[in-house]
């Protein structure tokens, strides 16, 4: 498999090479009218995104993280004996009583505990969400110039909304600092209903 490939599979999943940037992967999914949650930096490759969970500021509360949608990944692991050979292993999402301890340990460590030191992940297969099932999604995004006072007010507002026990699981609110070139900084506020 090519590190930059994106393949739409017969079972309606996508296998995405770890060198494939998010913009390319998302374009392939858009062609099939589907998506997975992921970060907003389209030039990050899938491998780096998997190692950090794949947080989406737009829909994490509604749809989870990118790694929640991974069904399996392929990894090259080191030899288990000094004179042995490296092995290509397909690791699947753990299922109690059906997957091995070795599989489950690799899964949990690569996608959640110790990225980058257990082998070389070649690709990951994700189960997408379908646009037709989420036709009423909406996102609002607003940027304002940064001052400490504005940031404190926005942050306090976001914290107040997050503390609301009646807040629906389909509502996502995010506040982020965006550093620009030079001294310009922005506060990015995103609200989405998924």
C-alpha atoms as a PDB file:
ATOM      1  CA  UNK A   1       0.000   0.000   0.000  1.00  0.00           C
ATOM      2  CA  UNK A   2       1.111   3.542  -0.718  1.00  0.00           C
ATOM      3  CA  UNK A   3       1.401   5.826   2.311  1.00  0.00           C
ATOM      4  CA  UNK A   4      -0.528   8.512   0.400  1.00  0.00           C
ATOM      5  CA  UNK A   5      -3.421   6.349  -0.834  1.00  0.00           C
ATOM      6  CA  UNK A   6      -7.088   6.661   0.048  1.00  0.00           C
ATOM      7  CA  UNK A   7      -9.217   3.673  -0.920  1.00  0.00           C
ATOM      8  CA  UNK A   8     -13.013   3.340  -0.725  1.00  0.00           C
ATOM      9  CA  UNK A   9     -13.647  -0.306   0.162  1.00  0.00           C
ATOM     10  CA  UNK A  10     -16.517  -2.608  -0.816  1.00  0.00           C
ATOM     11  CA  UNK A  11     -17.730  -2.626   2.814  1.00  0.00           C
ATOM     12  CA  UNK A  12     -18.142   1.190   2.660  1.00  0.00           C
ATOM     13  CA  UNK A  13     -15.068   1.902   4.767  1.00  0.00           C
ATOM     14  CA  UNK A  14     -11.994   3.908   3.783  1.00  0.00           C
ATOM     15  CA  UNK A  15      -8.408   2.709   4.089  1.00  0.00           C
ATOM     16  CA  UNK A  16      -6.160   5.742   4.378  1.00  0.00           C
ATOM     17  CA  UNK A  17      -2.364   5.693   4.228  1.00  0.00           C
ATOM     18  CA  UNK A  18      -0.615   7.351   7.149  1.00  0.00           C
ATOM     19  CA  UNK A  19       1.152   9.779   4.796  1.00  0.00           C
ATOM     20  CA  UNK A  20      -2.117  10.965   3.264  1.00  0.00           C
ATOM     21  CA  UNK A  21      -2.992  14.520   4.302  1.00  0.00           C
ATOM     22  CA  UNK A  22      -6.435  15.189   5.747  1.00  0.00           C
ATOM     23  CA  UNK A  23      -7.513  17.398   2.817  1.00  0.00           C
ATOM     24  CA  UNK A  24      -6.989  14.507   0.386  1.00  0.00           C
ATOM     25  CA  UNK A  25      -8.755  12.001   2.657  1.00  0.00           C
ATOM     26  CA  UNK A  26     -11.698  14.373   3.209  1.00  0.00           C
ATOM     27  CA  UNK A  27     -12.026  15.027  -0.540  1.00  0.00           C
ATOM     28  CA  UNK A  28     -12.269  11.274  -1.160  1.00  0.00           C
ATOM     29  CA  UNK A  29     -14.954  10.973   1.511  1.00  0.00           C
ATOM     30  CA  UNK A  30     -16.868  13.982   0.190  1.00  0.00           C
ATOM     31  CA  UNK A  31     -16.993  12.256  -3.211  1.00  0.00           C
ATOM     32  CA  UNK A  32     -18.860   9.408  -1.476  1.00  0.00           C
ATOM     33  CA  UNK A  33     -20.974  11.866   0.595  1.00  0.00           C
ATOM     34  CA  UNK A  34     -19.544  10.875   3.955  1.00  0.00           C
ATOM     35  CA  UNK A  35     -17.090  12.088   6.610  1.00  0.00           C
ATOM     36  CA  UNK A  36     -15.231  11.287   9.809  1.00  0.00           C
ATOM     37  CA  UNK A  37     -14.480  13.817  12.537  1.00  0.00           C
ATOM     38  CA  UNK A  38     -10.947  15.209  12.313  1.00  0.00           C
ATOM     39  CA  UNK A  39      -8.958  18.328  13.036  1.00  0.00           C
ATOM     40  CA  UNK A  40      -9.066  21.507  11.028  1.00  0.00           C
ATOM     41  CA  UNK A  41      -5.473  21.528   9.729  1.00  0.00           C
ATOM     42  CA  UNK A  42      -5.799  19.881   6.321  1.00  0.00           C
ATOM     43  CA  UNK A  43      -2.053  19.570   5.775  1.00  0.00           C
ATOM     44  CA  UNK A  44      -1.584  17.192   8.729  1.00  0.00           C
ATOM     45  CA  UNK A  45      -1.092  13.594   7.608  1.00  0.00           C
ATOM     46  CA  UNK A  46      -3.326  10.788   8.825  1.00  0.00           C
ATOM     47  CA  UNK A  47      -0.523   9.103  10.800  1.00  0.00           C
ATOM     48  CA  UNK A  48       0.135  12.142  12.961  1.00  0.00           C
ATOM     49  CA  UNK A  49      -3.551  12.715  13.432  1.00  0.00           C
ATOM     50  CA  UNK A  50      -4.129   9.124  14.596  1.00  0.00           C
ATOM     51  CA  UNK A  51      -1.355   9.434  17.166  1.00  0.00           C
ATOM     52  CA  UNK A  52      -3.074  12.393  18.797  1.00  0.00           C
ATOM     53  CA  UNK A  53      -6.624  11.055  18.699  1.00  0.00           C
ATOM     54  CA  UNK A  54      -7.959  13.152  15.854  1.00  0.00           C
ATOM     55  CA  UNK A  55      -9.841  15.791  17.832  1.00  0.00           C
ATOM     56  CA  UNK A  56     -12.382  17.852  15.911  1.00  0.00           C
ATOM     57  CA  UNK A  57     -13.323  21.247  17.328  1.00  0.00           C
ATOM     58  CA  UNK A  58     -16.527  21.108  15.307  1.00  0.00           C
ATOM     59  CA  UNK A  59     -18.169  17.879  16.361  1.00  0.00           C
ATOM     60  CA  UNK A  60     -16.255  15.975  19.064  1.00  0.00           C
ATOM     61  CA  UNK A  61     -19.201  15.876  21.485  1.00  0.00           C
ATOM     62  CA  UNK A  62     -21.540  14.616  18.774  1.00  0.00           C
ATOM     63  CA  UNK A  63     -19.358  12.191  16.820  1.00  0.00           C
ATOM     64  CA  UNK A  64     -16.301  11.513  18.972  1.00  0.00           C
ATOM     65  CA  UNK A  65     -12.708  11.587  17.832  1.00  0.00           C
ATOM     66  CA  UNK A  66     -11.221  10.234  14.612  1.00  0.00           C
ATOM     67  CA  UNK A  67      -9.837   7.198  16.454  1.00  0.00           C
ATOM     68  CA  UNK A  68     -13.381   6.285  17.530  1.00  0.00           C
ATOM     69  CA  UNK A  69     -14.078   5.552  13.856  1.00  0.00           C
ATOM     70  CA  UNK A  70     -11.010   3.395  13.180  1.00  0.00           C
ATOM     71  CA  UNK A  71     -11.917  -0.264  12.656  1.00  0.00           C
ATOM     72  CA  UNK A  72      -8.379  -1.551  12.014  1.00  0.00           C
ATOM     73  CA  UNK A  73      -4.861  -0.472  11.147  1.00  0.00           C
ATOM     74  CA  UNK A  74      -1.772  -2.052   9.625  1.00  0.00           C
ATOM     75  CA  UNK A  75       1.543  -1.805  11.452  1.00  0.00           C
ATOM     76  CA  UNK A  76       5.072  -3.089  10.856  1.00  0.00           C
ATOM     77  CA  UNK A  77       6.434  -4.389  14.159  1.00  0.00           C
ATOM     78  CA  UNK A  78       9.997  -5.240  15.124  1.00  0.00           C
ATOM     79  CA  UNK A  79      11.165  -8.852  15.291  1.00  0.00           C
ATOM     80  CA  UNK A  80      10.382 -10.677  18.511  1.00  0.00           C
ATOM     81  CA  UNK A  81      13.755 -12.512  18.334  1.00  0.00           C
ATOM     82  CA  UNK A  82      17.211 -11.093  17.732  1.00  0.00           C
ATOM     83  CA  UNK A  83      17.566 -12.982  14.445  1.00  0.00           C
ATOM     84  CA  UNK A  84      13.902 -12.651  13.446  1.00  0.00           C
ATOM     85  CA  UNK A  85      12.216 -10.533  10.816  1.00  0.00           C
ATOM     86  CA  UNK A  86       9.855  -7.611  11.099  1.00  0.00           C
ATOM     87  CA  UNK A  87       6.191  -8.497  10.679  1.00  0.00           C
ATOM     88  CA  UNK A  88       3.263  -6.700   9.053  1.00  0.00           C
ATOM     89  CA  UNK A  89       0.310  -7.003  11.408  1.00  0.00           C
ATOM     90  CA  UNK A  90      -3.336  -6.022  10.945  1.00  0.00           C
ATOM     91  CA  UNK A  91      -4.738  -4.839  14.269  1.00  0.00           C
ATOM     92  CA  UNK A  92      -8.520  -4.736  14.662  1.00  0.00           C
ATOM     93  CA  UNK A  93     -10.711  -2.889  17.162  1.00  0.00           C
ATOM     94  CA  UNK A  94     -10.781  -5.068  20.296  1.00  0.00           C
ATOM     95  CA  UNK A  95     -13.812  -7.262  20.899  1.00  0.00           C
ATOM     96  CA  UNK A  96     -13.972  -8.996  24.283  1.00  0.00           C
ATOM     97  CA  UNK A  97     -13.395 -12.726  23.927  1.00  0.00           C
ATOM     98  CA  UNK A  98     -12.717 -12.503  20.167  1.00  0.00           C
ATOM     99  CA  UNK A  99      -9.420 -10.667  19.786  1.00  0.00           C
ATOM    100  CA  UNK A 100      -6.050 -11.609  21.251  1.00  0.00           C
ATOM    101  CA  UNK A 101      -4.251  -9.842  24.079  1.00  0.00           C
ATOM    102  CA  UNK A 102      -1.440  -8.990  21.620  1.00  0.00           C
ATOM    103  CA  UNK A 103      -3.974  -7.357  19.246  1.00  0.00           C
ATOM    104  CA  UNK A 104      -5.664  -5.471  22.080  1.00  0.00           C
ATOM    105  CA  UNK A 105      -2.362  -4.239  23.548  1.00  0.00           C
ATOM    106  CA  UNK A 106      -1.204  -2.934  20.165  1.00  0.00           C
ATOM    107  CA  UNK A 107      -4.574  -1.249  19.580  1.00  0.00           C
ATOM    108  CA  UNK A 108      -4.658   0.483  22.960  1.00  0.00           C
ATOM    109  CA  UNK A 109      -1.023   1.549  22.894  1.00  0.00           C
ATOM    110  CA  UNK A 110      -0.879   2.812  19.312  1.00  0.00           C
ATOM    111  CA  UNK A 111      -4.222   4.640  19.381  1.00  0.00           C
ATOM    112  CA  UNK A 112      -4.169   5.855  22.912  1.00  0.00           C
ATOM    113  CA  UNK A 113      -1.103   5.301  24.984  1.00  0.00           C
ATOM    114  CA  UNK A 114       2.285   5.250  23.343  1.00  0.00           C
ATOM    115  CA  UNK A 115       2.237   6.495  19.750  1.00  0.00           C
ATOM    116  CA  UNK A 116       5.291   6.182  17.581  1.00  0.00           C
ATOM    117  CA  UNK A 117       7.353   3.631  19.461  1.00  0.00           C
ATOM    118  CA  UNK A 118       5.703   0.275  18.821  1.00  0.00           C
ATOM    119  CA  UNK A 119       6.187   0.072  15.065  1.00  0.00           C
ATOM    120  CA  UNK A 120       5.401   1.871  11.848  1.00  0.00           C
ATOM    121  CA  UNK A 121       1.695   2.294  11.160  1.00  0.00           C
ATOM    122  CA  UNK A 122       1.135   2.015   7.399  1.00  0.00           C
ATOM    123  CA  UNK A 123      -2.594   2.710   7.112  1.00  0.00           C
ATOM    124  CA  UNK A 124      -5.868   2.850   9.005  1.00  0.00           C
ATOM    125  CA  UNK A 125      -9.366   1.842   7.998  1.00  0.00           C
ATOM    126  CA  UNK A 126     -12.171   4.127   9.144  1.00  0.00           C
ATOM    127  CA  UNK A 127     -15.934   3.688   9.231  1.00  0.00           C
ATOM    128  CA  UNK A 128     -17.433   6.963   7.986  1.00  0.00           C
ATOM    129  CA  UNK A 129     -20.611   8.765   8.915  1.00  0.00           C
ATOM    130  CA  UNK A 130     -22.982   9.483   6.022  1.00  0.00           C
ATOM    131  CA  UNK A 131     -24.054  12.987   5.036  1.00  0.00           C
ATOM    132  CA  UNK A 132     -27.663  11.871   4.445  1.00  0.00           C
ATOM    133  CA  UNK A 133     -27.928  10.861   8.115  1.00  0.00           C
ATOM    134  CA  UNK A 134     -26.856  14.323   9.280  1.00  0.00           C
ATOM    135  CA  UNK A 135     -28.502  16.664   6.795  1.00  0.00           C
ATOM    136  CA  UNK A 136     -29.396  19.285   9.416  1.00  0.00           C
ATOM    137  CA  UNK A 137     -25.851  19.893  10.692  1.00  0.00           C
ATOM    138  CA  UNK A 138     -24.894  23.536  11.043  1.00  0.00           C
ATOM    139  CA  UNK A 139     -21.676  25.290  11.999  1.00  0.00           C
ATOM    140  CA  UNK A 140     -21.089  28.918  12.893  1.00  0.00           C
ATOM    141  CA  UNK A 141     -17.573  30.270  13.145  1.00  0.00           C
ATOM    142  CA  UNK A 142     -16.483  33.735  14.142  1.00  0.00           C
ATOM    143  CA  UNK A 143     -13.035  35.247  14.566  1.00  0.00           C
ATOM    144  CA  UNK A 144     -12.226  38.320  16.610  1.00  0.00           C
ATOM    145  CA  UNK A 145      -8.925  40.083  17.245  1.00  0.00           C
ATOM    146  CA  UNK A 146      -7.278  38.930  20.433  1.00  0.00           C
ATOM    147  CA  UNK A 147      -7.037  40.930  23.598  1.00  0.00           C
ATOM    148  CA  UNK A 148      -6.677  39.316  26.991  1.00  0.00           C
ATOM    149  CA  UNK A 149      -9.963  40.839  28.138  1.00  0.00           C
ATOM    150  CA  UNK A 150     -11.898  39.500  25.122  1.00  0.00           C
ATOM    151  CA  UNK A 151     -10.342  36.060  25.496  1.00  0.00           C
ATOM    152  CA  UNK A 152     -11.227  35.910  29.203  1.00  0.00           C
ATOM    153  CA  UNK A 153     -14.857  36.848  28.430  1.00  0.00           C
ATOM    154  CA  UNK A 154     -15.174  34.310  25.617  1.00  0.00           C
ATOM    155  CA  UNK A 155     -13.571  31.587  27.721  1.00  0.00           C
ATOM    156  CA  UNK A 156     -15.876  32.300  30.679  1.00  0.00           C
ATOM    157  CA  UNK A 157     -18.893  32.163  28.370  1.00  0.00           C
ATOM    158  CA  UNK A 158     -17.762  28.822  26.883  1.00  0.00           C
ATOM    159  CA  UNK A 159     -17.149  27.388  30.346  1.00  0.00           C
ATOM    160  CA  UNK A 160     -20.625  28.485  31.441  1.00  0.00           C
ATOM    161  CA  UNK A 161     -22.262  26.843  28.431  1.00  0.00           C
ATOM    162  CA  UNK A 162     -20.247  23.645  28.992  1.00  0.00           C
ATOM    163  CA  UNK A 163     -21.396  23.489  32.613  1.00  0.00           C
ATOM    164  CA  UNK A 164     -25.066  23.451  31.549  1.00  0.00           C
ATOM    165  CA  UNK A 165     -26.385  19.968  32.402  1.00  0.00           C
ATOM    166  CA  UNK A 166     -29.235  20.443  29.932  1.00  0.00           C
ATOM    167  CA  UNK A 167     -26.908  21.064  26.985  1.00  0.00           C
ATOM    168  CA  UNK A 168     -27.749  18.588  24.232  1.00  0.00           C
ATOM    169  CA  UNK A 169     -25.115  16.142  23.003  1.00  0.00           C
ATOM    170  CA  UNK A 170     -25.605  17.508  19.491  1.00  0.00           C
ATOM    171  CA  UNK A 171     -24.268  20.953  20.443  1.00  0.00           C
ATOM    172  CA  UNK A 172     -20.529  21.675  20.228  1.00  0.00           C
ATOM    173  CA  UNK A 173     -18.862  24.894  21.333  1.00  0.00           C
ATOM    174  CA  UNK A 174     -15.167  25.593  20.962  1.00  0.00           C
ATOM    175  CA  UNK A 175     -12.923  28.555  21.661  1.00  0.00           C
ATOM    176  CA  UNK A 176      -9.378  28.550  20.302  1.00  0.00           C
ATOM    177  CA  UNK A 177      -6.445  30.918  20.018  1.00  0.00           C
ATOM    178  CA  UNK A 178      -5.112  31.207  16.484  1.00  0.00           C
ATOM    179  CA  UNK A 179      -1.622  32.606  16.061  1.00  0.00           C
ATOM    180  CA  UNK A 180      -1.057  34.388  12.776  1.00  0.00           C
ATOM    181  CA  UNK A 181       2.042  35.626  11.084  1.00  0.00           C
ATOM    182  CA  UNK A 182       3.712  38.274  13.158  1.00  0.00           C
ATOM    183  CA  UNK A 183       1.946  39.805  16.158  1.00  0.00           C
ATOM    184  CA  UNK A 184      -1.645  39.221  14.932  1.00  0.00           C
ATOM    185  CA  UNK A 185      -3.598  36.778  17.088  1.00  0.00           C
ATOM    186  CA  UNK A 186      -7.225  35.793  16.710  1.00  0.00           C
ATOM    187  CA  UNK A 187      -9.829  34.197  18.938  1.00  0.00           C
ATOM    188  CA  UNK A 188     -11.769  31.628  16.940  1.00  0.00           C
ATOM    189  CA  UNK A 189     -15.221  30.719  18.252  1.00  0.00           C
ATOM    190  CA  UNK A 190     -17.001  27.744  16.721  1.00  0.00           C
ATOM    191  CA  UNK A 191     -20.508  26.549  17.467  1.00  0.00           C
ATOM    192  CA  UNK A 192     -22.039  23.562  15.707  1.00  0.00           C
ATOM    193  CA  UNK A 193     -25.225  21.556  15.898  1.00  0.00           C
ATOM    194  CA  UNK A 194     -24.719  18.014  14.673  1.00  0.00           C
END
